Protein backbone atom coordinates (compact mmCIF):
# COMPACT_ATOMS: atom_id res chain seq x y z
CA MET A 1 45.75 156.98 270.68
CA THR A 2 43.78 156.99 267.22
CA ASN A 3 40.12 156.77 266.84
CA ASP A 4 40.40 153.37 264.91
CA GLN A 5 42.18 152.05 268.13
CA ILE A 6 39.31 152.94 270.22
CA LYS A 7 36.76 151.59 267.45
CA GLU A 8 38.32 148.24 267.47
CA THR A 9 38.01 147.73 271.20
CA LYS A 10 35.61 144.97 272.57
CA ALA A 11 33.68 147.75 274.43
CA PHE A 12 33.17 149.65 271.54
CA GLN A 13 31.86 146.79 269.29
CA GLU A 14 29.40 145.84 272.12
CA LEU A 15 27.46 149.11 272.02
CA ASP A 16 24.24 149.12 270.10
CA THR A 17 24.30 151.21 266.78
CA VAL A 18 22.75 154.43 268.18
CA THR A 19 25.44 154.67 270.93
CA LYS A 20 28.06 154.25 268.48
CA LEU A 21 27.37 156.99 266.19
CA VAL A 22 27.04 159.15 269.19
CA TYR A 23 30.89 157.99 270.63
CA GLN A 24 32.08 158.14 266.86
CA LYS A 25 31.86 162.24 267.12
CA LYS A 26 35.18 163.96 267.53
CA GLU A 27 34.23 165.37 270.55
CA MET A 28 33.57 162.18 271.88
CA MET A 29 36.65 160.57 270.69
CA THR A 30 38.80 163.51 271.87
CA LYS A 31 37.25 162.94 275.43
CA VAL A 32 38.10 159.18 275.30
CA LYS A 33 41.53 160.08 273.88
CA ASN A 34 42.05 162.85 276.96
CA GLU A 35 40.47 160.28 279.93
CA PHE A 36 42.82 157.80 278.71
CA GLY A 37 45.86 159.86 278.93
CA ILE A 38 44.84 161.12 282.64
CA ALA A 39 44.25 157.48 283.71
CA LYS A 40 47.52 156.43 282.15
CA GLN A 41 49.09 159.21 284.27
CA LEU A 42 46.98 158.75 287.44
CA GLY A 43 46.51 155.13 287.26
CA VAL A 44 43.14 153.69 286.62
CA ASP A 45 41.76 153.40 290.11
CA GLN A 46 42.89 156.75 291.13
CA TYR A 47 41.22 157.91 287.64
CA GLU A 48 37.89 156.28 288.61
CA LYS A 49 37.92 157.94 292.20
CA ILE A 50 38.37 161.11 290.86
CA TYR A 51 36.31 161.43 287.26
CA PHE A 52 33.80 158.71 287.85
CA PRO A 53 33.43 158.06 284.49
CA ARG A 54 30.52 156.49 282.53
CA PRO A 55 30.74 152.76 282.36
CA TYR A 56 31.34 152.52 278.69
CA LEU A 57 34.22 154.70 278.95
CA LEU A 58 35.84 153.24 281.97
CA LYS A 59 35.51 149.74 279.94
CA VAL A 60 37.33 151.40 276.97
CA ILE A 61 39.95 152.64 278.57
CA LYS A 62 40.95 149.74 280.63
CA GLU A 63 40.95 147.98 277.40
CA LEU A 64 43.19 150.18 275.89
CA LEU A 65 45.78 150.33 278.88
CA GLN A 66 46.02 146.48 278.54
CA GLN A 67 47.03 146.86 275.07
CA ASN A 68 49.59 149.70 275.58
């Protein structure tokens, strides 16, 4: 998973400019990658029940899982 793959998602593109700047930071990209790995292992439903991700994060993860 690369930062570019995350930035290319429809969910990321729909964010407003300020929110994009926040999510482009290294720590936020790392969080997306880490939680993507967790969702991939557990399954999205189980991940959502345990971690209660923010709507944007869940949307990106679902989109990335569909691509992989």
